[in-house]
PDB file of all heavy atoms in Angstrom:
ATOM      1  N   TYR A   1      -2.710  -5.556   5.850  1.00  0.00           N
ATOM      2  CA  TYR A   1      -2.658  -4.259   6.525  1.00  0.00           C
ATOM      3  C   TYR A   1      -3.469  -4.297   7.810  1.00  0.00           C
ATOM      4  O   TYR A   1      -4.514  -4.937   7.865  1.00  0.00           O
ATOM      5  CB  TYR A   1      -3.286  -3.162   5.654  1.00  0.00           C
ATOM      6  CG  TYR A   1      -2.795  -3.110   4.241  1.00  0.00           C
ATOM      7  CD1 TYR A   1      -3.324  -3.954   3.261  1.00  0.00           C
ATOM      8  CD2 TYR A   1      -1.812  -2.206   3.867  1.00  0.00           C
ATOM      9  CE1 TYR A   1      -2.881  -3.896   1.948  1.00  0.00           C
ATOM     10  CE2 TYR A   1      -1.368  -2.138   2.552  1.00  0.00           C
ATOM     11  CZ  TYR A   1      -1.906  -2.990   1.603  1.00  0.00           C
ATOM     12  OH  TYR A   1      -1.466  -2.929   0.305  1.00  0.00           O
ATOM     13  N   ASN A   2      -3.010  -3.549   8.812  1.00  0.00           N
ATOM     14  CA  ASN A   2      -3.781  -3.290  10.021  1.00  0.00           C
ATOM     15  C   ASN A   2      -4.028  -1.785  10.058  1.00  0.00           C
ATOM     16  O   ASN A   2      -3.102  -1.001  10.271  1.00  0.00           O
ATOM     17  CB  ASN A   2      -3.012  -3.747  11.260  1.00  0.00           C
ATOM     18  CG  ASN A   2      -3.763  -3.474  12.555  1.00  0.00           C
ATOM     19  OD1 ASN A   2      -4.699  -2.695  12.603  1.00  0.00           O
ATOM     20  ND2 ASN A   2      -3.324  -4.116  13.617  1.00  0.00           N
ATOM     21  N   VAL A   3      -5.269  -1.396   9.784  1.00  0.00           N
ATOM     22  CA  VAL A   3      -5.648   0.023   9.786  1.00  0.00           C
ATOM     23  C   VAL A   3      -6.640   0.227  10.921  1.00  0.00           C
ATOM     24  O   VAL A   3      -7.787  -0.208  10.832  1.00  0.00           O
ATOM     25  CB  VAL A   3      -6.262   0.444   8.431  1.00  0.00           C
ATOM     26  CG1 VAL A   3      -6.678   1.906   8.463  1.00  0.00           C
ATOM     27  CG2 VAL A   3      -5.289   0.173   7.291  1.00  0.00           C
ATOM     28  N   GLU A   4      -6.151   0.814  12.000  1.00  0.00           N
ATOM     29  CA  GLU A   4      -6.970   1.086  13.182  1.00  0.00           C
ATOM     30  C   GLU A   4      -7.685  -0.170  13.670  1.00  0.00           C
ATOM     31  O   GLU A   4      -8.872  -0.143  14.001  1.00  0.00           O
ATOM     32  CB  GLU A   4      -7.951   2.225  12.899  1.00  0.00           C
ATOM     33  CG  GLU A   4      -7.236   3.531  12.592  1.00  0.00           C
ATOM     34  CD  GLU A   4      -8.186   4.681  12.310  1.00  0.00           C
ATOM     35  OE1 GLU A   4      -9.416   4.507  12.434  1.00  0.00           O
ATOM     36  OE2 GLU A   4      -7.677   5.750  11.969  1.00  0.00           O
ATOM     37  N   GLY A   5      -6.968  -1.303  13.681  1.00  0.00           N
ATOM     38  CA  GLY A   5      -7.512  -2.556  14.190  1.00  0.00           C
ATOM     39  C   GLY A   5      -8.323  -3.358  13.189  1.00  0.00           C
ATOM     40  O   GLY A   5      -8.744  -4.466  13.486  1.00  0.00           O
ATOM     41  N   GLN A   6      -8.544  -2.813  11.989  1.00  0.00           N
ATOM     42  CA  GLN A   6      -9.220  -3.532  10.914  1.00  0.00           C
ATOM     43  C   GLN A   6      -8.151  -4.106   9.987  1.00  0.00           C
ATOM     44  O   GLN A   6      -7.189  -3.407   9.653  1.00  0.00           O
ATOM     45  CB  GLN A   6     -10.135  -2.594  10.114  1.00  0.00           C
ATOM     46  CG  GLN A   6     -11.331  -2.115  10.873  1.00  0.00           C
ATOM     47  CD  GLN A   6     -12.333  -3.231  11.099  1.00  0.00           C
ATOM     48  OE1 GLN A   6     -12.586  -3.623  12.231  1.00  0.00           O
ATOM     49  NE2 GLN A   6     -12.908  -3.746  10.045  1.00  0.00           N
ATOM     50  N   PHE A   7      -8.341  -5.350   9.566  1.00  0.00           N
ATOM     51  CA  PHE A   7      -7.364  -5.997   8.694  1.00  0.00           C
ATOM     52  C   PHE A   7      -7.889  -6.029   7.264  1.00  0.00           C
ATOM     53  O   PHE A   7      -9.068  -6.254   7.021  1.00  0.00           O
ATOM     54  CB  PHE A   7      -7.055  -7.405   9.205  1.00  0.00           C
ATOM     55  CG  PHE A   7      -6.196  -7.381  10.429  1.00  0.00           C
ATOM     56  CD1 PHE A   7      -6.738  -7.117  11.669  1.00  0.00           C
ATOM     57  CD2 PHE A   7      -4.829  -7.587  10.326  1.00  0.00           C
ATOM     58  CE1 PHE A   7      -5.953  -7.066  12.800  1.00  0.00           C
ATOM     59  CE2 PHE A   7      -4.025  -7.532  11.453  1.00  0.00           C
ATOM     60  CZ  PHE A   7      -4.585  -7.272  12.694  1.00  0.00           C
ATOM     61  N   TYR A   8      -6.964  -5.798   6.328  1.00  0.00           N
ATOM     62  CA  TYR A   8      -7.271  -5.764   4.903  1.00  0.00           C
ATOM     63  C   TYR A   8      -6.189  -6.540   4.159  1.00  0.00           C
ATOM     64  O   TYR A   8      -5.042  -6.614   4.619  1.00  0.00           O
ATOM     65  CB  TYR A   8      -7.290  -4.322   4.380  1.00  0.00           C
ATOM     66  CG  TYR A   8      -8.310  -3.456   5.066  1.00  0.00           C
ATOM     67  CD1 TYR A   8      -7.965  -2.695   6.175  1.00  0.00           C
ATOM     68  CD2 TYR A   8      -9.625  -3.405   4.622  1.00  0.00           C
ATOM     69  CE1 TYR A   8      -8.903  -1.909   6.823  1.00  0.00           C
ATOM     70  CE2 TYR A   8     -10.564  -2.612   5.262  1.00  0.00           C
ATOM     71  CZ  TYR A   8     -10.195  -1.866   6.358  1.00  0.00           C
ATOM     72  OH  TYR A   8     -11.125  -1.094   6.999  1.00  0.00           O
ATOM     73  N   VAL A   9      -6.546  -7.090   2.997  1.00  0.00           N
ATOM     74  CA  VAL A   9      -5.593  -7.799   2.146  1.00  0.00           C
ATOM     75  C   VAL A   9      -5.774  -7.308   0.715  1.00  0.00           C
ATOM     76  O   VAL A   9      -6.900  -7.208   0.221  1.00  0.00           O
ATOM     77  CB  VAL A   9      -5.797  -9.329   2.225  1.00  0.00           C
ATOM     78  CG1 VAL A   9      -4.887 -10.046   1.235  1.00  0.00           C
ATOM     79  CG2 VAL A   9      -5.552  -9.842   3.638  1.00  0.00           C
ATOM     80  N   THR A  10      -4.636  -6.989   0.070  1.00  0.00           N
ATOM     81  CA  THR A  10      -4.633  -6.598  -1.339  1.00  0.00           C
ATOM     82  C   THR A  10      -3.527  -7.370  -2.058  1.00  0.00           C
ATOM     83  O   THR A  10      -2.659  -7.966  -1.425  1.00  0.00           O
ATOM     84  CB  THR A  10      -4.347  -5.087  -1.535  1.00  0.00           C
ATOM     85  OG1 THR A  10      -2.977  -4.809  -1.225  1.00  0.00           O
ATOM     86  CG2 THR A  10      -5.269  -4.219  -0.697  1.00  0.00           C
ATOM     87  N   ASP A  11      -3.559  -7.304  -3.394  1.00  0.00           N
ATOM     88  CA  ASP A  11      -2.388  -7.757  -4.135  1.00  0.00           C
ATOM     89  C   ASP A  11      -1.206  -6.926  -3.662  1.00  0.00           C
ATOM     90  O   ASP A  11      -1.364  -5.751  -3.304  1.00  0.00           O
ATOM     91  CB  ASP A  11      -2.585  -7.558  -5.642  1.00  0.00           C
ATOM     92  CG  ASP A  11      -3.459  -8.624  -6.270  1.00  0.00           C
ATOM     93  OD1 ASP A  11      -3.607  -9.718  -5.680  1.00  0.00           O
ATOM     94  OD2 ASP A  11      -3.994  -8.368  -7.362  1.00  0.00           O
ATOM     95  N   ASP A  12      -0.028  -7.534  -3.660  1.00  0.00           N
ATOM     96  CA  ASP A  12       1.157  -6.816  -3.192  1.00  0.00           C
ATOM     97  C   ASP A  12       1.743  -5.908  -4.261  1.00  0.00           C
ATOM     98  O   ASP A  12       2.344  -4.900  -3.946  1.00  0.00           O
ATOM     99  CB  ASP A  12       2.220  -7.809  -2.717  1.00  0.00           C
ATOM    100  CG  ASP A  12       3.464  -7.104  -2.219  1.00  0.00           C
ATOM    101  OD1 ASP A  12       3.335  -6.235  -1.334  1.00  0.00           O
ATOM    102  OD2 ASP A  12       4.556  -7.402  -2.733  1.00  0.00           O
ATOM    103  N   ARG A  13       1.547  -6.242  -5.516  1.00  0.00           N
ATOM    104  CA  ARG A  13       2.196  -5.488  -6.588  1.00  0.00           C
ATOM    105  C   ARG A  13       1.419  -4.233  -6.950  1.00  0.00           C
ATOM    106  O   ARG A  13       0.221  -4.272  -7.187  1.00  0.00           O
ATOM    107  CB  ARG A  13       2.343  -6.364  -7.815  1.00  0.00           C
ATOM    108  CG  ARG A  13       3.034  -5.626  -8.961  1.00  0.00           C
ATOM    109  CD  ARG A  13       3.478  -6.543 -10.027  1.00  0.00           C
ATOM    110  NE  ARG A  13       4.632  -7.279  -9.530  1.00  0.00           N
ATOM    111  CZ  ARG A  13       5.229  -8.258 -10.169  1.00  0.00           C
ATOM    112  NH1 ARG A  13       4.781  -8.647 -11.332  1.00  0.00           N
ATOM    113  NH2 ARG A  13       6.258  -8.869  -9.664  1.00  0.00           N
ATOM    114  N   CYS A  14       2.137  -3.125  -7.006  1.00  0.00           N
ATOM    115  CA  CYS A  14       1.558  -1.862  -7.447  1.00  0.00           C
ATOM    116  C   CYS A  14       1.100  -2.003  -8.893  1.00  0.00           C
ATOM    117  O   CYS A  14       1.797  -2.605  -9.709  1.00  0.00           O
ATOM    118  CB  CYS A  14       2.594  -0.747  -7.326  1.00  0.00           C
ATOM    119  SG  CYS A  14       2.040   0.851  -7.956  1.00  0.00           S
ATOM    120  N   SER A  15      -0.057  -1.441  -9.231  1.00  0.00           N
ATOM    121  CA  SER A  15      -0.584  -1.523 -10.594  1.00  0.00           C
ATOM    122  C   SER A  15       0.152  -0.583 -11.552  1.00  0.00           C
ATOM    123  O   SER A  15      -0.002  -0.681 -12.759  1.00  0.00           O
ATOM    124  CB  SER A  15      -2.080  -1.201 -10.604  1.00  0.00           C
ATOM    125  OG  SER A  15      -2.298   0.128 -10.147  1.00  0.00           O
ATOM    126  N   HIS A  16       0.983   0.297 -11.019  1.00  0.00           N
ATOM    127  CA  HIS A  16       1.714   1.254 -11.853  1.00  0.00           C
ATOM    128  C   HIS A  16       3.101   0.748 -12.218  1.00  0.00           C
ATOM    129  O   HIS A  16       3.608   1.037 -13.289  1.00  0.00           O
ATOM    130  CB  HIS A  16       1.816   2.603 -11.129  1.00  0.00           C
ATOM    131  CG  HIS A  16       2.648   3.606 -11.860  1.00  0.00           C
ATOM    132  ND1 HIS A  16       3.953   3.864 -11.539  1.00  0.00           N
ATOM    133  CD2 HIS A  16       2.361   4.391 -12.924  1.00  0.00           C
ATOM    134  CE1 HIS A  16       4.434   4.784 -12.356  1.00  0.00           C
ATOM    135  NE2 HIS A  16       3.487   5.124 -13.213  1.00  0.00           N
ATOM    136  N   GLY A  17       3.726   0.009 -11.308  1.00  0.00           N
ATOM    137  CA  GLY A  17       5.085  -0.475 -11.535  1.00  0.00           C
ATOM    138  C   GLY A  17       5.260  -1.825 -10.877  1.00  0.00           C
ATOM    139  O   GLY A  17       4.297  -2.459 -10.466  1.00  0.00           O
ATOM    140  N   LEU A  18       6.471  -2.267 -10.752  1.00  0.00           N
ATOM    141  CA  LEU A  18       6.741  -3.597 -10.195  1.00  0.00           C
ATOM    142  C   LEU A  18       7.078  -3.549  -8.707  1.00  0.00           C
ATOM    143  O   LEU A  18       7.693  -4.465  -8.184  1.00  0.00           O
ATOM    144  CB  LEU A  18       7.885  -4.256 -10.984  1.00  0.00           C
ATOM    145  CG  LEU A  18       7.596  -4.464 -12.463  1.00  0.00           C
ATOM    146  CD1 LEU A  18       8.789  -5.107 -13.152  1.00  0.00           C
ATOM    147  CD2 LEU A  18       6.356  -5.309 -12.664  1.00  0.00           C
ATOM    148  N   ALA A  19       6.686  -2.504  -8.035  1.00  0.00           N
ATOM    149  CA  ALA A  19       7.020  -2.334  -6.620  1.00  0.00           C
ATOM    150  C   ALA A  19       6.134  -3.183  -5.720  1.00  0.00           C
ATOM    151  O   ALA A  19       4.973  -3.454  -6.022  1.00  0.00           O
ATOM    152  CB  ALA A  19       6.883  -0.868  -6.229  1.00  0.00           C
ATOM    153  N   SER A  20       6.695  -3.579  -4.574  1.00  0.00           N
ATOM    154  CA  SER A  20       5.958  -4.294  -3.528  1.00  0.00           C
ATOM    155  C   SER A  20       5.303  -3.281  -2.609  1.00  0.00           C
ATOM    156  O   SER A  20       5.990  -2.475  -1.973  1.00  0.00           O
ATOM    157  CB  SER A  20       6.912  -5.179  -2.728  1.00  0.00           C
ATOM    158  OG  SER A  20       6.284  -5.648  -1.551  1.00  0.00           O
ATOM    159  N   LEU A  21       3.967  -3.324  -2.524  1.00  0.00           N
ATOM    160  CA  LEU A  21       3.266  -2.397  -1.636  1.00  0.00           C
ATOM    161  C   LEU A  21       3.573  -2.671  -0.174  1.00  0.00           C
ATOM    162  O   LEU A  21       3.492  -1.773   0.664  1.00  0.00           O
ATOM    163  CB  LEU A  21       1.765  -2.452  -1.903  1.00  0.00           C
ATOM    164  CG  LEU A  21       1.351  -1.934  -3.284  1.00  0.00           C
ATOM    165  CD1 LEU A  21      -0.137  -2.147  -3.499  1.00  0.00           C
ATOM    166  CD2 LEU A  21       1.740  -0.477  -3.469  1.00  0.00           C
ATOM    167  N   ALA A  22       3.959  -3.907   0.151  1.00  0.00           N
ATOM    168  CA  ALA A  22       4.319  -4.226   1.532  1.00  0.00           C
ATOM    169  C   ALA A  22       5.575  -3.471   1.970  1.00  0.00           C
ATOM    170  O   ALA A  22       5.840  -3.353   3.159  1.00  0.00           O
ATOM    171  CB  ALA A  22       4.521  -5.731   1.698  1.00  0.00           C
ATOM    172  N   GLU A  23       6.317  -2.949   1.017  1.00  0.00           N
ATOM    173  CA  GLU A  23       7.485  -2.114   1.338  1.00  0.00           C
ATOM    174  C   GLU A  23       7.116  -0.635   1.386  1.00  0.00           C
ATOM    175  O   GLU A  23       7.974   0.217   1.612  1.00  0.00           O
ATOM    176  CB  GLU A  23       8.587  -2.347   0.300  1.00  0.00           C
ATOM    177  CG  GLU A  23       9.127  -3.765   0.342  1.00  0.00           C
ATOM    178  CD  GLU A  23      10.147  -4.044  -0.750  1.00  0.00           C
ATOM    179  OE1 GLU A  23      10.560  -3.105  -1.461  1.00  0.00           O
ATOM    180  OE2 GLU A  23      10.523  -5.219  -0.888  1.00  0.00           O
ATOM    181  N   GLY A  24       5.834  -0.341   1.167  1.00  0.00           N
ATOM    182  CA  GLY A  24       5.367   1.033   1.179  1.00  0.00           C
ATOM    183  C   GLY A  24       5.044   1.511   2.589  1.00  0.00           C
ATOM    184  O   GLY A  24       5.307   0.832   3.576  1.00  0.00           O
ATOM    185  N   THR A  25       4.427   2.678   2.650  1.00  0.00           N
ATOM    186  CA  THR A  25       4.097   3.314   3.921  1.00  0.00           C
ATOM    187  C   THR A  25       2.585   3.472   4.038  1.00  0.00           C
ATOM    188  O   THR A  25       1.943   3.992   3.118  1.00  0.00           O
ATOM    189  CB  THR A  25       4.754   4.713   4.001  1.00  0.00           C
ATOM    190  OG1 THR A  25       6.163   4.559   3.814  1.00  0.00           O
ATOM    191  CG2 THR A  25       4.478   5.377   5.338  1.00  0.00           C
ATOM    192  N   VAL A  26       2.039   3.012   5.167  1.00  0.00           N
ATOM    193  CA  VAL A  26       0.619   3.228   5.456  1.00  0.00           C
ATOM    194  C   VAL A  26       0.467   4.655   5.972  1.00  0.00           C
ATOM    195  O   VAL A  26       1.120   5.046   6.941  1.00  0.00           O
ATOM    196  CB  VAL A  26       0.091   2.213   6.499  1.00  0.00           C
ATOM    197  CG1 VAL A  26      -1.348   2.549   6.894  1.00  0.00           C
ATOM    198  CG2 VAL A  26       0.183   0.791   5.955  1.00  0.00           C
ATOM    199  N   ILE A  27      -0.384   5.414   5.293  1.00  0.00           N
ATOM    200  CA  ILE A  27      -0.676   6.797   5.699  1.00  0.00           C
ATOM    201  C   ILE A  27      -2.180   6.886   5.856  1.00  0.00           C
ATOM    202  O   ILE A  27      -2.917   6.906   4.864  1.00  0.00           O
ATOM    203  CB  ILE A  27      -0.154   7.807   4.660  1.00  0.00           C
ATOM    204  CG1 ILE A  27       1.354   7.648   4.463  1.00  0.00           C
ATOM    205  CG2 ILE A  27      -0.526   9.230   5.070  1.00  0.00           C
ATOM    206  CD1 ILE A  27       1.919   8.449   3.316  1.00  0.00           C
ATOM    207  N   GLY A  28      -2.645   6.877   7.093  1.00  0.00           N
ATOM    208  CA  GLY A  28      -4.091   6.871   7.347  1.00  0.00           C
ATOM    209  C   GLY A  28      -4.697   5.593   6.818  1.00  0.00           C
ATOM    210  O   GLY A  28      -4.326   4.500   7.234  1.00  0.00           O
ATOM    211  N   ASP A  29      -5.622   5.721   5.846  1.00  0.00           N
ATOM    212  CA  ASP A  29      -6.276   4.552   5.262  1.00  0.00           C
ATOM    213  C   ASP A  29      -5.762   4.260   3.853  1.00  0.00           C
ATOM    214  O   ASP A  29      -6.424   3.620   3.059  1.00  0.00           O
ATOM    215  CB  ASP A  29      -7.795   4.729   5.252  1.00  0.00           C
ATOM    216  CG  ASP A  29      -8.255   5.885   4.371  1.00  0.00           C
ATOM    217  OD1 ASP A  29      -7.401   6.688   3.904  1.00  0.00           O
ATOM    218  OD2 ASP A  29      -9.467   6.001   4.126  1.00  0.00           O
ATOM    219  N   GLU A  30      -4.542   4.760   3.552  1.00  0.00           N
ATOM    220  CA  GLU A  30      -3.958   4.571   2.235  1.00  0.00           C
ATOM    221  C   GLU A  30      -2.568   3.948   2.348  1.00  0.00           C
ATOM    222  O   GLU A  30      -1.910   4.059   3.378  1.00  0.00           O
ATOM    223  CB  GLU A  30      -3.844   5.906   1.492  1.00  0.00           C
ATOM    224  CG  GLU A  30      -5.191   6.569   1.259  1.00  0.00           C
ATOM    225  CD  GLU A  30      -5.060   7.918   0.592  1.00  0.00           C
ATOM    226  OE1 GLU A  30      -4.374   8.788   1.169  1.00  0.00           O
ATOM    227  OE2 GLU A  30      -5.629   8.093  -0.482  1.00  0.00           O
ATOM    228  N   ILE A  31      -2.138   3.309   1.251  1.00  0.00           N
ATOM    229  CA  ILE A  31      -0.777   2.793   1.155  1.00  0.00           C
ATOM    230  C   ILE A  31      -0.055   3.605   0.085  1.00  0.00           C
ATOM    231  O   ILE A  31      -0.597   3.832  -0.999  1.00  0.00           O
ATOM    232  CB  ILE A  31      -0.729   1.273   0.834  1.00  0.00           C
ATOM    233  CG1 ILE A  31       0.705   0.747   0.792  1.00  0.00           C
ATOM    234  CG2 ILE A  31      -1.469   0.929  -0.450  1.00  0.00           C
ATOM    235  CD1 ILE A  31       1.396   0.680   2.133  1.00  0.00           C
ATOM    236  N   GLU A  32       1.145   4.061   0.428  1.00  0.00           N
ATOM    237  CA  GLU A  32       1.973   4.799  -0.522  1.00  0.00           C
ATOM    238  C   GLU A  32       2.990   3.839  -1.125  1.00  0.00           C
ATOM    239  O   GLU A  32       3.743   3.193  -0.393  1.00  0.00           O
ATOM    240  CB  GLU A  32       2.697   5.949   0.175  1.00  0.00           C
ATOM    241  CG  GLU A  32       3.572   6.759  -0.758  1.00  0.00           C
ATOM    242  CD  GLU A  32       4.300   7.868  -0.030  1.00  0.00           C
ATOM    243  OE1 GLU A  32       5.098   7.544   0.886  1.00  0.00           O
ATOM    244  OE2 GLU A  32       4.082   9.034  -0.365  1.00  0.00           O
ATOM    245  N   CYS A  33       3.017   3.740  -2.439  1.00  0.00           N
ATOM    246  CA  CYS A  33       3.954   2.865  -3.139  1.00  0.00           C
ATOM    247  C   CYS A  33       5.376   3.385  -2.932  1.00  0.00           C
ATOM    248  O   CYS A  33       5.620   4.590  -3.045  1.00  0.00           O
ATOM    249  CB  CYS A  33       3.603   2.828  -4.625  1.00  0.00           C
ATOM    250  SG  CYS A  33       4.780   1.871  -5.589  1.00  0.00           S
ATOM    251  N   PRO A  34       6.322   2.484  -2.651  1.00  0.00           N
ATOM    252  CA  PRO A  34       7.687   2.926  -2.397  1.00  0.00           C
ATOM    253  C   PRO A  34       8.449   3.346  -3.659  1.00  0.00           C
ATOM    254  O   PRO A  34       9.479   3.992  -3.561  1.00  0.00           O
ATOM    255  CB  PRO A  34       8.337   1.693  -1.764  1.00  0.00           C
ATOM    256  CG  PRO A  34       7.602   0.536  -2.349  1.00  0.00           C
ATOM    257  CD  PRO A  34       6.175   1.038  -2.482  1.00  0.00           C
ATOM    258  N   MET A  35       7.933   3.010  -4.839  1.00  0.00           N
ATOM    259  CA  MET A  35       8.693   3.307  -6.065  1.00  0.00           C
ATOM    260  C   MET A  35       8.421   4.710  -6.603  1.00  0.00           C
ATOM    261  O   MET A  35       9.333   5.495  -6.769  1.00  0.00           O
ATOM    262  CB  MET A  35       8.403   2.271  -7.138  1.00  0.00           C
ATOM    263  CG  MET A  35       9.248   2.465  -8.389  1.00  0.00           C
ATOM    264  SD  MET A  35       8.939   1.224  -9.668  1.00  0.00           S
ATOM    265  CE  MET A  35       9.784  -0.190  -8.977  1.00  0.00           C
ATOM    266  N   HIS A  36       7.152   5.019  -6.872  1.00  0.00           N
ATOM    267  CA  HIS A  36       6.820   6.315  -7.460  1.00  0.00           C
ATOM    268  C   HIS A  36       5.899   7.141  -6.565  1.00  0.00           C
ATOM    269  O   HIS A  36       5.400   8.171  -6.996  1.00  0.00           O
ATOM    270  CB  HIS A  36       6.164   6.127  -8.837  1.00  0.00           C
ATOM    271  CG  HIS A  36       7.059   5.453  -9.822  1.00  0.00           C
ATOM    272  ND1 HIS A  36       6.788   4.206 -10.342  1.00  0.00           N
ATOM    273  CD2 HIS A  36       8.238   5.841 -10.350  1.00  0.00           C
ATOM    274  CE1 HIS A  36       7.769   3.862 -11.171  1.00  0.00           C
ATOM    275  NE2 HIS A  36       8.660   4.829 -11.189  1.00  0.00           N
ATOM    276  N   PHE A  37       5.652   6.647  -5.352  1.00  0.00           N
ATOM    277  CA  PHE A  37       4.897   7.366  -4.316  1.00  0.00           C
ATOM    278  C   PHE A  37       3.432   7.592  -4.668  1.00  0.00           C
ATOM    279  O   PHE A  37       2.794   8.492  -4.131  1.00  0.00           O
ATOM    280  CB  PHE A  37       5.605   8.672  -3.935  1.00  0.00           C
ATOM    281  CG  PHE A  37       7.050   8.444  -3.601  1.00  0.00           C
ATOM    282  CD1 PHE A  37       8.050   8.834  -4.472  1.00  0.00           C
ATOM    283  CD2 PHE A  37       7.398   7.778  -2.441  1.00  0.00           C
ATOM    284  CE1 PHE A  37       9.384   8.586  -4.180  1.00  0.00           C
ATOM    285  CE2 PHE A  37       8.726   7.524  -2.137  1.00  0.00           C
ATOM    286  CZ  PHE A  37       9.728   7.928  -3.011  1.00  0.00           C
ATOM    287  N   GLY A  38       2.886   6.762  -5.558  1.00  0.00           N
ATOM    288  CA  GLY A  38       1.451   6.773  -5.817  1.00  0.00           C
ATOM    289  C   GLY A  38       0.714   6.215  -4.609  1.00  0.00           C
ATOM    290  O   GLY A  38       1.307   5.579  -3.741  1.00  0.00           O
ATOM    291  N   MET A  39      -0.590   6.443  -4.561  1.00  0.00           N
ATOM    292  CA  MET A  39      -1.380   6.053  -3.398  1.00  0.00           C
ATOM    293  C   MET A  39      -2.573   5.198  -3.808  1.00  0.00           C
ATOM    294  O   MET A  39      -3.133   5.378  -4.886  1.00  0.00           O
ATOM    295  CB  MET A  39      -1.901   7.301  -2.676  1.00  0.00           C
ATOM    296  CG  MET A  39      -0.848   8.304  -2.246  1.00  0.00           C
ATOM    297  SD  MET A  39       0.088   7.783  -0.800  1.00  0.00           S
ATOM    298  CE  MET A  39      -1.133   8.009   0.479  1.00  0.00           C
ATOM    299  N   PHE A  40      -2.954   4.299  -2.871  1.00  0.00           N
ATOM    300  CA  PHE A  40      -4.149   3.480  -3.030  1.00  0.00           C
ATOM    301  C   PHE A  40      -4.938   3.485  -1.733  1.00  0.00           C
ATOM    302  O   PHE A  40      -4.348   3.460  -0.645  1.00  0.00           O
ATOM    303  CB  PHE A  40      -3.788   2.018  -3.341  1.00  0.00           C
ATOM    304  CG  PHE A  40      -3.052   1.830  -4.627  1.00  0.00           C
ATOM    305  CD1 PHE A  40      -1.671   1.812  -4.656  1.00  0.00           C
ATOM    306  CD2 PHE A  40      -3.750   1.675  -5.817  1.00  0.00           C
ATOM    307  CE1 PHE A  40      -0.991   1.632  -5.838  1.00  0.00           C
ATOM    308  CE2 PHE A  40      -3.073   1.495  -7.014  1.00  0.00           C
ATOM    309  CZ  PHE A  40      -1.686   1.478  -7.025  1.00  0.00           C
ATOM    310  N   LYS A  41      -6.267   3.473  -1.837  1.00  0.00           N
ATOM    311  CA  LYS A  41      -7.129   3.273  -0.678  1.00  0.00           C
ATOM    312  C   LYS A  41      -7.023   1.797  -0.296  1.00  0.00           C
ATOM    313  O   LYS A  41      -7.269   0.919  -1.122  1.00  0.00           O
ATOM    314  CB  LYS A  41      -8.590   3.612  -0.998  1.00  0.00           C
ATOM    315  CG  LYS A  41      -8.835   5.070  -1.287  1.00  0.00           C
ATOM    316  CD  LYS A  41      -8.858   5.849  -0.008  1.00  0.00           C
ATOM    317  CE  LYS A  41      -9.303   7.283  -0.269  1.00  0.00           C
ATOM    318  NZ  LYS A  41      -9.237   8.070   0.963  1.00  0.00           N
TER     319      LYS A  41
END
C-alpha cells in the first residue's frame, strides 16, 4: 500500500474470507475488503 507516501505491507488474504485485499479499496488509512466490505487499518 501507498498511504500518503508511506508504504505498508500486509498479508493479502482477508482474515474473514478468501478475498484478496489487493482487490479492495484504500479509504484513508484503511483497506476495504472487496468481498464483504469489512475494514482493516
